[in-house]
Amino acid sequence: MTSLIGGHRVSKDDIQLEAYGTADELNSFVGLLRASQLPEGIDELLHDIQNSLFVLGGLLATKRGDNHRQGTIITPLMVTKIESYIDNTLKGLPEIHAFILPGGSQAVSLCHICRTITRRLERRMVSLNGDGDAYIEKEAMQYVNRLSDFFFALARRIAHETNSKTFLWKT
């Protein structure tokens, strides 16, 4: 057993712990990505995302209805901001007509790791919403959904700006 924020006790294998543990794991990998060689301006975006992930982790680590949940809200503005990050990141990139395989450089590969962890986080949040005991606001769900798209766009941007090889899926 362990305690959530606010003292509510849950099992160590509770879906709520799985969800906020995944948010923490993602935040750690974003930190590793920030330690990579990145084109100018990307570190600031990633720092902002890490702050948002910390807010999300607090939301996920708090039982619904607990007054400790205040201040752990993903706002519509945060969703709008991540969408603008996607749009700006994709500006000027060539269209793609095939699936991209992870790889090319360390930073690009880390973007893909962050993307896949984000997708797992989204699945855990969906599971958490479905158990009847917890509630994840729609903005938090939207943010995480868009965040995985951001990491895909960022992988493409970094590959483009650093002339990293892009590997396409071949049948």
Protein backbone atom coordinates (compact mmCIF):
# COMPACT_ATOMS: atom_id res chain seq x y z
CA MET A 1 0.00 0.00 0.00
CA THR A 2 1.00 3.60 -0.55
CA SER A 3 -0.57 7.02 -0.15
CA LEU A 4 -1.86 9.39 -2.77
CA ILE A 5 -1.54 13.13 -2.32
CA GLY A 6 -3.94 13.90 0.51
CA GLY A 7 -3.36 10.62 2.31
CA HIS A 8 -5.81 8.25 0.59
CA ARG A 9 -4.26 4.73 0.66
CA VAL A 10 -4.19 2.53 -2.45
CA SER A 11 -2.46 -0.66 -3.53
CA LYS A 12 0.95 -0.35 -5.19
CA ASP A 13 -0.56 -1.87 -8.34
CA ASP A 14 -3.50 0.55 -8.47
CA ILE A 15 -4.20 2.03 -11.92
CA GLN A 16 -3.87 5.50 -10.40
CA LEU A 17 -0.26 4.78 -9.42
CA GLU A 18 0.37 3.32 -12.85
CA ALA A 19 -0.97 6.53 -14.42
CA TYR A 20 1.03 9.02 -12.39
CA GLY A 21 4.10 6.76 -12.49
CA THR A 22 3.89 6.84 -16.27
CA ALA A 23 3.62 10.65 -16.20
CA ASP A 24 6.75 10.70 -14.02
CA GLU A 25 8.55 8.31 -16.37
CA LEU A 26 7.66 10.53 -19.32
CA ASN A 27 8.89 13.61 -17.48
CA SER A 28 12.20 11.85 -16.82
CA PHE A 29 12.62 10.97 -20.49
CA VAL A 30 11.81 14.55 -21.47
CA GLY A 31 14.63 15.55 -19.13
CA LEU A 32 16.95 13.14 -20.93
CA LEU A 33 15.82 14.57 -24.27
CA ARG A 34 16.64 18.05 -22.96
CA ALA A 35 20.17 16.83 -22.17
CA SER A 36 20.65 15.91 -25.86
CA GLN A 37 21.97 18.11 -28.62
CA LEU A 38 18.86 20.06 -29.64
CA PRO A 39 18.29 22.81 -32.17
CA GLU A 40 17.79 26.28 -30.73
CA GLY A 41 14.46 27.02 -29.03
CA ILE A 42 13.43 23.44 -28.33
CA ASP A 43 14.73 23.30 -24.76
CA GLU A 44 12.35 26.06 -23.70
CA LEU A 45 9.36 24.15 -25.12
CA LEU A 46 10.45 20.98 -23.35
CA HIS A 47 10.90 22.85 -20.07
CA ASP A 48 7.32 24.12 -20.36
CA ILE A 49 6.11 20.59 -21.11
CA GLN A 50 7.95 19.24 -18.06
CA ASN A 51 6.16 21.79 -15.88
CA SER A 52 2.81 20.74 -17.37
CA LEU A 53 3.64 17.07 -16.82
CA PHE A 54 4.35 17.83 -13.17
CA VAL A 55 0.91 19.45 -12.89
CA LEU A 56 -0.62 16.42 -14.59
CA GLY A 57 1.23 14.07 -12.24
CA GLY A 58 -0.24 15.95 -9.28
CA LEU A 59 -3.71 15.61 -10.76
CA LEU A 60 -3.23 11.88 -11.33
CA ALA A 61 -1.81 11.37 -7.81
CA THR A 62 -4.84 12.92 -6.12
CA LYS A 63 -8.18 11.29 -5.44
CA ARG A 64 -11.19 12.87 -7.14
CA GLY A 65 -12.91 15.38 -4.87
CA ASP A 66 -9.83 15.87 -2.67
CA ASN A 67 -9.16 19.56 -2.02
CA HIS A 68 -5.44 18.86 -2.62
CA ARG A 69 -6.37 18.62 -6.31
CA GLN A 70 -6.59 22.41 -6.57
CA GLY A 71 -3.66 23.74 -8.57
CA THR A 72 -3.29 20.47 -10.46
CA ILE A 73 -5.48 21.44 -13.39
CA ILE A 74 -4.64 21.16 -17.06
CA THR A 75 -6.31 24.24 -18.51
CA PRO A 76 -7.73 24.88 -21.99
CA LEU A 77 -4.86 27.36 -22.46
CA MET A 78 -2.34 24.53 -21.91
CA VAL A 79 -4.10 22.48 -24.60
CA THR A 80 -4.06 25.46 -26.98
CA LYS A 81 -0.37 26.01 -26.25
CA ILE A 82 0.61 22.41 -27.07
CA GLU A 83 -1.40 22.63 -30.29
CA SER A 84 0.49 25.78 -31.25
CA TYR A 85 3.76 23.98 -30.46
CA ILE A 86 2.72 21.25 -32.92
CA ASP A 87 1.80 23.77 -35.64
CA ASN A 88 5.06 25.72 -35.22
CA THR A 89 7.15 22.55 -35.09
CA LEU A 90 5.66 21.25 -38.36
CA LYS A 91 6.05 24.56 -40.24
CA GLY A 92 8.22 24.14 -43.32
CA LEU A 93 8.67 20.39 -43.00
CA PRO A 94 8.13 18.29 -46.11
CA GLU A 95 5.01 16.14 -46.27
CA ILE A 96 5.41 12.49 -45.40
CA HIS A 97 3.79 9.65 -47.31
CA ALA A 98 5.11 6.68 -45.35
CA PHE A 99 5.44 5.55 -41.76
CA ILE A 100 8.61 6.73 -40.04
CA LEU A 101 10.65 4.26 -38.02
CA PRO A 102 12.23 5.54 -34.79
CA GLY A 103 15.93 6.30 -35.13
CA GLY A 104 18.33 8.59 -36.93
CA SER A 105 19.94 10.26 -33.93
CA GLN A 106 19.78 10.06 -30.16
CA ALA A 107 17.51 13.11 -29.89
CA VAL A 108 15.13 11.84 -32.58
CA SER A 109 15.00 8.42 -30.93
CA LEU A 110 14.27 10.01 -27.55
CA CYS A 111 11.40 11.96 -29.12
CA HIS A 112 9.92 8.65 -30.26
CA ILE A 113 10.39 7.13 -26.80
CA CYS A 114 8.59 10.15 -25.32
CA ARG A 115 5.83 9.72 -27.91
CA THR A 116 5.27 6.06 -27.04
CA ILE A 117 5.34 6.70 -23.28
CA THR A 118 2.81 9.49 -23.83
CA ARG A 119 0.54 7.05 -25.67
CA ARG A 120 0.83 4.61 -22.74
CA LEU A 121 0.02 7.46 -20.34
CA GLU A 122 -3.09 8.22 -22.37
CA ARG A 123 -4.17 4.56 -22.17
CA ARG A 124 -3.63 4.55 -18.40
CA MET A 125 -5.69 7.72 -18.07
CA VAL A 126 -8.50 6.16 -20.10
CA SER A 127 -8.39 3.13 -17.80
CA LEU A 128 -8.42 5.39 -14.76
CA ASN A 129 -11.45 7.23 -16.07
CA GLY A 130 -13.23 3.95 -16.60
CA ASP A 131 -12.92 2.60 -13.05
CA GLY A 132 -15.71 4.82 -11.69
CA ASP A 133 -13.61 6.11 -8.77
CA ALA A 134 -11.48 8.70 -10.52
CA TYR A 135 -12.18 11.42 -13.02
CA ILE A 136 -9.72 12.97 -15.43
CA GLU A 137 -10.87 16.28 -16.88
CA LYS A 138 -11.27 16.41 -20.67
CA GLU A 139 -8.52 19.04 -20.98
CA ALA A 140 -6.02 16.68 -19.37
CA MET A 141 -7.04 13.95 -21.80
CA GLN A 142 -6.77 16.37 -24.74
CA TYR A 143 -3.38 17.62 -23.57
CA VAL A 144 -1.89 14.14 -23.39
CA ASN A 145 -3.39 13.17 -26.73
CA ARG A 146 -1.85 16.23 -28.39
CA LEU A 147 1.43 15.79 -26.54
CA SER A 148 2.13 12.50 -28.31
CA ASP A 149 1.56 14.28 -31.63
CA PHE A 150 3.97 16.99 -30.51
CA PHE A 151 6.74 14.46 -29.87
CA PHE A 152 6.22 12.97 -33.34
CA ALA A 153 6.40 16.45 -34.89
CA LEU A 154 9.46 17.25 -32.79
CA ALA A 155 11.22 14.10 -33.98
CA ARG A 156 10.63 15.22 -37.55
CA ARG A 157 11.80 18.79 -36.82
CA ILE A 158 14.99 17.66 -35.10
CA ALA A 159 15.77 15.18 -37.89
CA HIS A 160 15.22 17.91 -40.46
CA GLU A 161 17.29 20.58 -38.70
CA THR A 162 20.17 18.27 -37.82
CA ASN A 163 20.19 16.41 -41.16
CA SER A 164 19.61 13.12 -39.35
CA LYS A 165 18.69 10.18 -41.50
CA THR A 166 14.98 9.40 -41.53
CA PHE A 167 14.09 5.73 -41.79
CA LEU A 168 10.86 4.91 -43.59
CA TRP A 169 8.90 1.70 -43.12
CA LYS A 170 9.14 -0.61 -46.10
CA THR A 171 6.86 -3.55 -46.74
